[in-house]
Amino acid sequence: MREDVAIALDRIRAGRAAQSVILYGLRGVGKTVLLNEMRIAAEEAGLATVAFEAPEGRSLPAMLAPNLRAALLRMNRLRAAGEGVKNALKALAGFVKLKASYADIELALDLAPEPGVADSGDLETDLTDLIRSLGETAKVYDTAIVLFVDELQYVEEAQLAALITALHAANQRRLPITMVGAGLPQLLGQMGRAKSYAERLFVFEPIGALDKEGAFAAVRDPIEEEEERIDDDALELIFEQTGGYPYFLQEWGKQSWDIAEASPITKGDVADASQAAIAQLDASFFRVRFDRLTPAEKRYIRAMAELGAGPHRSGDIADVLGVKVTSVAPTRNQLISKGMIYSPNHGDTAFTVPMFDEFVRRIVPDFN
């Protein structure tokens, strides 16, 4: 996958057609790590990168503006000075005028805006102008600008549509600018709803749990690099306990290493380490997500957990709560917007965090 992205970015820099990549999957499967590795490889290949995480409650323009400015200034320092970056910065100055619509933009630029460029106040039009100007600058500098955006599902759909439109326009002009993104499973549907042609602009790559062979290697190889060993039945138990999810494999591997007194690490060591691994996950990975929910959202989540790992029909969750589906629809929508659940199919609901149902039943054992 990393090689495919590197080839696509090389093609885009050369002015050739290529689809970039959107990674999607549950929490803790390694999307962010992959995105960072792809960004590092792009920088080593001489591409200009713009990397940021899209948080809840911030607008896309507010996240783009300062990061684009920093990328343009880096380009200007690393390469011979010219008018290219200045023109792009002028376009960015016009774009920053969107403060009138997006009050969370905090950026001042010394350059005067280029009149009529990215300053109309319509996000789709202005972002298209800005992306075009950036692409033209990258072409002059014989490079490509790549936006690496994590947690892309938090970008509002209208703003996501504007970004896709702008990138599509640049792609049609063969300008060397593109995006590599990552997000939760609902991102696939969000981008499709935002712009139907998103599926032609990007390749959507699911990132999930490792199979048994990959999970074994992920735990065993680092141990053997330290010239120690782990028994196969210990690896079997780790795989059984974690379901092959990378973040959980890391936690079980760490706790098993810490608790074992001698090599090889045994099944008994893993069994002893499981309690510590679960406690650590409960205190951090799970708890930080549960604590940000409202009482109504926690009750909905607990009803889901009562039914098991899922996915579950929305009607079944409402039945557990003893209410009509319509009465809890706003709560469900809020949980989706917070990235806690998603809808894998129409009417279905599933957790975005693996094994979250087990955690919820541990901390709220009685449901009533």
Protein backbone atom coordinates (compact mmCIF):
# COMPACT_ATOMS: atom_id res chain seq x y z
CA MET A 1 0.00 0.00 0.00
CA ARG A 2 2.83 2.40 0.85
CA GLU A 3 4.50 1.57 -2.46
CA ASP A 4 1.24 2.15 -4.36
CA VAL A 5 0.89 5.60 -2.78
CA ALA A 6 4.53 6.46 -3.56
CA ILE A 7 3.99 5.52 -7.22
CA ALA A 8 0.73 7.52 -7.39
CA LEU A 9 2.45 10.60 -5.94
CA ASP A 10 5.32 10.29 -8.41
CA ARG A 11 2.82 10.13 -11.26
CA ILE A 12 0.97 13.19 -9.93
CA ARG A 13 4.24 15.13 -9.69
CA ALA A 14 4.96 14.19 -13.32
CA GLY A 15 1.57 15.51 -14.44
CA ARG A 16 0.10 12.08 -15.08
CA ALA A 17 -3.22 10.69 -13.96
CA ALA A 18 -3.28 8.78 -10.66
CA GLN A 19 -5.70 8.11 -7.84
CA SER A 20 -4.51 8.91 -4.38
CA VAL A 21 -5.59 6.95 -1.30
CA ILE A 22 -8.06 7.25 1.55
CA LEU A 23 -7.45 4.85 4.45
CA TYR A 24 -10.48 3.93 6.54
CA GLY A 25 -11.06 1.61 9.47
CA LEU A 26 -11.79 1.30 13.17
CA ARG A 27 -9.78 2.92 15.95
CA GLY A 28 -6.44 1.33 16.74
CA VAL A 29 -5.78 -0.42 13.41
CA GLY A 30 -2.78 1.68 12.39
CA LYS A 31 -4.23 4.28 9.98
CA THR A 32 -2.31 7.17 11.53
CA VAL A 33 0.96 5.23 11.56
CA LEU A 34 0.52 4.35 7.88
CA LEU A 35 -0.33 7.95 7.04
CA ASN A 36 2.81 9.19 8.81
CA GLU A 37 5.00 6.63 7.05
CA MET A 38 3.57 7.73 3.69
CA ARG A 39 4.21 11.38 4.57
CA ILE A 40 7.82 10.70 5.56
CA ALA A 41 8.39 8.80 2.31
CA ALA A 42 6.88 11.68 0.32
CA GLU A 43 9.15 14.21 2.03
CA GLU A 44 12.20 12.02 1.38
CA ALA A 45 11.17 11.93 -2.30
CA GLY A 46 11.23 15.74 -2.38
CA LEU A 47 7.49 16.40 -2.26
CA ALA A 48 5.97 19.27 -0.29
CA THR A 49 3.67 17.92 2.42
CA VAL A 50 0.90 19.53 4.44
CA ALA A 51 -0.05 17.33 7.40
CA PHE A 52 -2.75 17.92 9.98
CA GLU A 53 -5.47 16.19 11.95
CA ALA A 54 -9.01 17.43 11.47
CA PRO A 55 -10.39 17.89 15.00
CA GLU A 56 -14.01 18.19 16.00
CA GLY A 57 -15.37 21.72 16.01
CA ARG A 58 -12.77 23.32 13.70
CA SER A 59 -13.44 24.37 10.14
CA LEU A 60 -11.43 23.07 7.20
CA PRO A 61 -10.28 26.59 6.20
CA ALA A 62 -8.97 27.17 9.73
CA MET A 63 -6.89 23.99 9.54
CA LEU A 64 -5.72 24.48 5.95
CA ALA A 65 -4.60 28.11 6.06
CA PRO A 66 -1.70 28.00 8.58
CA ASN A 67 -0.47 24.62 7.37
CA LEU A 68 -0.45 25.71 3.73
CA ARG A 69 1.42 28.90 4.65
CA ALA A 70 4.09 26.87 6.46
CA ALA A 71 4.44 24.48 3.51
CA LEU A 72 4.82 27.33 1.00
CA LEU A 73 7.48 29.04 3.09
CA ARG A 74 9.39 25.75 3.38
CA MET A 75 9.25 25.36 -0.39
CA ASN A 76 10.62 28.86 -0.84
CA ARG A 77 13.52 28.23 1.54
CA LEU A 78 14.48 24.88 0.05
CA ARG A 79 14.39 25.94 -3.60
CA ALA A 80 15.46 28.92 -5.67
CA ALA A 81 13.32 31.95 -4.88
CA GLY A 82 10.73 32.90 -7.50
CA GLU A 83 7.32 34.37 -8.05
CA GLY A 84 5.55 31.02 -7.69
CA VAL A 85 5.33 30.93 -3.92
CA LYS A 86 4.52 34.64 -3.73
CA ASN A 87 1.54 34.14 -6.06
CA ALA A 88 0.31 31.19 -4.01
CA LEU A 89 0.67 33.19 -0.79
CA LYS A 90 -1.36 36.00 -2.36
CA ALA A 91 -4.08 33.47 -3.19
CA LEU A 92 -3.90 32.22 0.39
CA ALA A 93 -4.25 35.81 1.64
CA GLY A 94 -7.47 36.10 -0.32
CA PHE A 95 -8.66 32.76 1.05
CA VAL A 96 -8.01 33.91 4.64
CA LYS A 97 -10.69 36.58 4.08
CA LEU A 98 -13.11 33.71 4.69
CA LYS A 99 -12.83 34.80 8.34
CA ALA A 100 -16.20 36.40 7.71
CA SER A 101 -17.67 32.91 7.30
CA TYR A 102 -15.18 30.83 9.30
CA ALA A 103 -14.40 32.84 12.40
CA ASP A 104 -11.94 30.23 13.73
CA ILE A 105 -9.30 31.15 11.10
CA GLU A 106 -6.35 32.67 12.96
CA LEU A 107 -3.74 33.76 10.43
CA ALA A 108 -2.28 37.05 9.30
CA LEU A 109 -0.31 37.41 6.06
CA ASP A 110 1.94 40.31 5.09
CA LEU A 111 1.18 40.00 1.38
CA ALA A 112 -1.81 41.78 -0.13
CA PRO A 113 -4.36 39.40 -1.67
CA GLU A 114 -4.58 39.01 -5.44
CA PRO A 115 -7.95 40.62 -6.29
CA GLY A 116 -10.46 38.11 -7.61
CA VAL A 117 -8.49 35.05 -6.53
CA ALA A 118 -9.91 32.87 -3.73
CA ASP A 119 -11.74 35.86 -2.22
CA SER A 120 -15.37 35.45 -3.32
CA GLY A 121 -16.60 34.15 0.04
CA ASP A 122 -17.92 30.96 -1.54
CA LEU A 123 -15.84 28.11 -0.13
CA GLU A 124 -16.06 25.82 -3.15
CA THR A 125 -15.02 28.56 -5.58
CA ASP A 126 -12.29 29.97 -3.36
CA LEU A 127 -10.83 26.61 -2.42
CA THR A 128 -10.71 25.64 -6.09
CA ASP A 129 -8.82 28.88 -6.84
CA LEU A 130 -6.42 28.27 -3.97
CA ILE A 131 -5.74 24.63 -4.85
CA ARG A 132 -5.16 25.61 -8.49
CA SER A 133 -2.67 28.30 -7.44
CA LEU A 134 -0.88 25.85 -5.16
CA GLY A 135 -0.73 23.26 -7.93
CA GLU A 136 0.68 25.79 -10.40
CA THR A 137 3.33 26.76 -7.85
CA ALA A 138 4.28 23.13 -7.24
CA LYS A 139 4.60 22.63 -11.01
CA VAL A 140 7.01 25.57 -11.28
CA TYR A 141 9.08 24.11 -8.46
CA ASP A 142 9.03 20.65 -10.07
CA THR A 143 7.41 19.06 -7.05
CA ALA A 144 3.95 18.12 -5.80
CA ILE A 145 1.96 19.30 -2.81
CA VAL A 146 0.34 16.48 -0.86
CA LEU A 147 -2.24 17.07 1.86
CA PHE A 148 -2.02 14.35 4.53
CA VAL A 149 -5.22 14.68 6.55
CA ASP A 150 -6.06 12.43 9.50
CA GLU A 151 -9.49 12.07 11.16
CA LEU A 152 -11.04 13.27 7.90
CA GLN A 153 -14.51 12.18 9.05
CA TYR A 154 -14.67 15.28 11.29
CA VAL A 155 -14.67 17.65 8.28
CA GLU A 156 -18.24 18.86 7.70
CA GLU A 157 -19.79 17.39 4.59
CA ALA A 158 -20.18 20.72 2.76
CA GLN A 159 -16.54 21.59 3.42
CA LEU A 160 -15.48 18.08 2.40
CA ALA A 161 -17.41 18.54 -0.85
CA ALA A 162 -15.57 21.82 -1.51
CA LEU A 163 -12.20 20.15 -0.96
CA ILE A 164 -13.05 17.22 -3.26
CA THR A 165 -14.27 19.66 -5.93
CA ALA A 166 -11.04 21.66 -5.72
CA LEU A 167 -8.84 18.56 -5.93
CA HIS A 168 -10.91 17.22 -8.82
CA ALA A 169 -10.44 20.47 -10.74
CA ALA A 170 -6.68 20.31 -10.14
CA ASN A 171 -6.64 16.67 -11.22
CA GLN A 172 -8.39 17.55 -14.48
CA ARG A 173 -5.70 20.16 -15.16
CA ARG A 174 -2.97 17.61 -14.29
CA LEU A 175 -1.69 19.92 -11.57
CA PRO A 176 0.62 18.27 -9.01
CA ILE A 177 -1.50 18.55 -5.88
CA THR A 178 -3.49 15.83 -4.14
CA MET A 179 -4.57 14.43 -0.79
CA VAL A 180 -3.94 11.26 1.16
CA GLY A 181 -6.46 10.91 3.98
CA ALA A 182 -7.49 8.64 6.82
CA GLY A 183 -10.61 8.29 8.90
CA LEU A 184 -13.25 6.10 10.47
CA PRO A 185 -15.45 3.75 8.39
CA GLN A 186 -18.21 6.35 7.94
CA LEU A 187 -15.77 8.40 5.85
CA LEU A 188 -16.48 6.21 2.81
CA GLY A 189 -20.16 7.18 2.83
CA GLN A 190 -19.44 10.81 3.74
CA MET A 191 -17.18 11.33 0.74
CA GLY A 192 -19.61 9.58 -1.58
CA ARG A 193 -22.46 11.80 -0.40
CA ALA A 194 -20.29 14.91 -0.61
CA LYS A 195 -19.31 14.26 -4.24
CA SER A 196 -20.26 11.17 -6.21
CA TYR A 197 -17.04 11.29 -8.23
CA ALA A 198 -14.88 10.96 -5.08
CA GLU A 199 -14.63 7.24 -5.86
CA ARG A 200 -12.88 8.10 -9.14
CA LEU A 201 -10.50 10.56 -7.51
CA PHE A 202 -9.40 8.27 -4.67
CA VAL A 203 -8.80 4.62 -3.94
CA PHE A 204 -10.51 3.69 -0.67
CA GLU A 205 -8.40 1.20 1.28
CA PRO A 206 -9.89 -0.59 4.30
CA ILE A 207 -7.46 -1.04 7.20
CA GLY A 208 -8.46 -3.71 9.71
CA ALA A 209 -7.27 -6.37 12.08
CA LEU A 210 -4.27 -8.50 11.14
CA ASP A 211 -4.71 -12.13 10.20
CA LYS A 212 -3.09 -14.76 12.39
CA GLU A 213 0.17 -14.83 10.43
CA GLY A 214 0.51 -11.04 10.53
CA ALA A 215 -0.45 -10.85 14.21
CA PHE A 216 2.09 -13.51 15.16
CA ALA A 217 4.81 -11.66 13.24
CA ALA A 218 3.89 -8.32 14.82
CA VAL A 219 4.48 -9.73 18.32
CA ARG A 220 7.20 -12.30 17.62
CA ASP A 221 9.56 -10.30 15.37
CA PRO A 222 10.39 -7.50 17.85
CA ILE A 223 11.00 -10.12 20.55
CA GLU A 224 13.37 -12.08 18.34
CA GLU A 225 15.18 -8.85 17.40
CA GLU A 226 16.09 -8.68 21.10
CA GLU A 227 17.35 -12.28 20.85
CA GLU A 228 14.51 -13.62 23.01
CA ARG A 229 11.63 -15.97 22.19
CA ILE A 230 7.89 -16.47 22.65
CA ASP A 231 6.05 -19.80 22.50
CA ASP A 232 3.51 -20.45 19.74
CA ASP A 233 0.75 -21.19 22.24
CA ALA A 234 1.47 -17.81 23.86
CA LEU A 235 1.03 -16.16 20.46
CA GLU A 236 -2.22 -18.10 20.00
CA LEU A 237 -3.56 -16.72 23.27
CA ILE A 238 -2.55 -13.15 22.39
CA PHE A 239 -4.32 -13.47 19.03
CA GLU A 240 -7.41 -14.88 20.74
CA GLN A 241 -7.46 -12.06 23.31
CA THR A 242 -6.84 -9.22 20.84
CA GLY A 243 -8.66 -10.32 17.71
CA GLY A 244 -5.56 -9.28 15.77
CA TYR A 245 -6.14 -5.54 16.27
CA PRO A 246 -2.73 -3.81 16.10
CA TYR A 247 -3.10 -1.49 19.10
CA PHE A 248 -4.20 -4.39 21.29
CA LEU A 249 -1.37 -6.57 20.01
CA GLN A 250 1.04 -3.85 21.11
CA GLU A 251 -0.51 -3.69 24.57
CA TRP A 252 -0.56 -7.46 25.10
CA GLY A 253 2.98 -7.73 23.75
CA LYS A 254 4.25 -5.02 26.10
CA GLN A 255 2.55 -6.44 29.19
CA SER A 256 3.67 -10.00 28.37
CA TRP A 257 7.26 -8.84 27.92
CA ASP A 258 7.17 -6.91 31.21
CA ILE A 259 5.70 -9.76 33.24
CA ALA A 260 7.82 -12.64 31.86
CA GLU A 261 10.84 -13.46 34.02
CA ALA A 262 12.65 -15.58 31.44
CA SER A 263 12.69 -16.50 27.76
CA PRO A 264 10.65 -17.89 26.14
CA ILE A 265 7.51 -15.96 27.02
CA THR A 266 4.91 -18.61 27.80
CA LYS A 267 1.15 -18.95 27.57
CA GLY A 268 1.06 -18.57 31.35
CA ASP A 269 2.91 -15.25 31.09
CA VAL A 270 0.34 -14.03 28.58
CA ALA A 271 -2.53 -15.16 30.78
CA ASP A 272 -1.02 -13.26 33.71
CA ALA A 273 -0.41 -10.21 31.51
CA SER A 274 -3.97 -10.09 30.18
CA GLN A 275 -5.38 -8.49 33.33
CA ALA A 276 -2.78 -5.70 33.18
CA ALA A 277 -3.38 -5.19 29.45
CA ILE A 278 -7.14 -4.89 29.93
CA ALA A 279 -6.68 -2.50 32.87
CA GLN A 280 -4.38 -0.30 30.80
CA LEU A 281 -6.81 -0.21 27.88
CA ASP A 282 -9.72 0.54 30.22
CA ALA A 283 -7.83 3.44 31.81
CA SER A 284 -6.74 5.05 28.55
CA PHE A 285 -7.83 3.79 25.14
CA PHE A 286 -11.44 3.06 26.14
CA ARG A 287 -12.04 5.45 29.04
CA VAL A 288 -11.01 8.63 27.21
CA ARG A 289 -13.74 7.99 24.65
CA PHE A 290 -16.46 6.95 27.09
CA ASP A 291 -15.96 9.92 29.44
CA ARG A 292 -16.70 12.51 26.75
CA LEU A 293 -20.25 11.18 26.25
CA THR A 294 -23.43 12.66 27.68
CA PRO A 295 -25.60 10.53 30.02
CA ALA A 296 -28.06 9.87 27.15
CA GLU A 297 -25.22 8.82 24.85
CA LYS A 298 -23.77 6.52 27.51
CA ARG A 299 -27.15 4.88 27.93
CA TYR A 300 -27.42 4.30 24.17
CA ILE A 301 -23.91 2.85 24.12
CA ARG A 302 -24.76 0.58 27.05
CA ALA A 303 -27.83 -0.70 25.21
CA MET A 304 -25.62 -1.50 22.21
CA ALA A 305 -23.15 -3.31 24.46
CA GLU A 306 -25.98 -5.38 25.91
CA LEU A 307 -26.49 -6.85 22.42
CA GLY A 308 -22.81 -7.70 21.93
CA ALA A 309 -20.08 -6.59 19.54
CA GLY A 310 -22.45 -5.81 16.68
CA PRO A 311 -23.35 -4.45 14.25
CA HIS A 312 -26.94 -4.16 15.50
CA ARG A 313 -30.17 -2.98 13.96
CA SER A 314 -31.21 0.44 15.24
CA GLY A 315 -34.61 -1.01 16.09
CA ASP A 316 -33.05 -3.68 18.31
CA ILE A 317 -31.12 -1.03 20.26
CA ALA A 318 -34.31 0.98 20.69
CA ASP A 319 -36.07 -2.16 21.96
CA VAL A 320 -33.40 -2.65 24.64
CA LEU A 321 -33.93 0.97 25.66
CA GLY A 322 -37.71 0.47 25.61
CA VAL A 323 -38.30 3.44 23.28
CA LYS A 324 -39.15 4.13 19.65
CA VAL A 325 -36.34 4.36 17.11
CA THR A 326 -37.26 7.93 16.22
CA SER A 327 -36.89 9.12 19.82
CA VAL A 328 -33.22 8.05 20.03
CA ALA A 329 -32.27 8.98 16.46
CA PRO A 330 -30.76 12.34 17.58
CA THR A 331 -28.60 10.54 20.16
CA ARG A 332 -27.45 8.07 17.52
CA ASN A 333 -26.57 10.92 15.18
CA GLN A 334 -24.55 12.66 17.89
CA LEU A 335 -22.61 9.47 18.59
CA ILE A 336 -21.84 9.13 14.87
CA SER A 337 -20.65 12.74 14.70
CA LYS A 338 -18.39 12.10 17.71
CA GLY A 339 -16.86 9.11 15.96
CA MET A 340 -18.09 6.59 18.53
CA ILE A 341 -20.35 4.56 16.23
CA TYR A 342 -21.01 4.27 12.51
CA SER A 343 -23.55 2.73 10.17
CA PRO A 344 -21.97 -0.07 8.10
CA ASN A 345 -25.31 -0.57 6.31
CA HIS A 346 -28.61 1.28 6.29
CA GLY A 347 -30.29 0.81 9.68
CA ASP A 348 -27.25 -0.90 11.24
CA THR A 349 -25.08 0.50 14.01
CA ALA A 350 -21.60 -0.61 15.07
CA PHE A 351 -18.84 0.60 17.38
CA THR A 352 -15.83 2.36 15.84
CA VAL A 353 -13.67 1.02 18.68
CA PRO A 354 -12.94 -2.73 18.70
CA MET A 355 -14.02 -4.64 21.84
CA PHE A 356 -15.78 -1.53 23.16
CA ASP A 357 -18.84 -3.56 24.09
CA GLU A 358 -16.75 -5.62 26.54
CA PHE A 359 -15.36 -2.45 28.14
CA VAL A 360 -18.82 -0.90 28.57
CA ARG A 361 -20.18 -4.05 30.19
CA ARG A 362 -17.19 -4.06 32.58
CA ILE A 363 -17.69 -0.50 33.81
CA VAL A 364 -21.51 -0.55 33.69
CA PRO A 365 -22.30 -4.18 34.58
CA ASP A 366 -26.03 -3.69 35.18
CA PHE A 367 -28.29 -2.24 32.52
CA ASN A 368 -31.70 -0.94 33.47
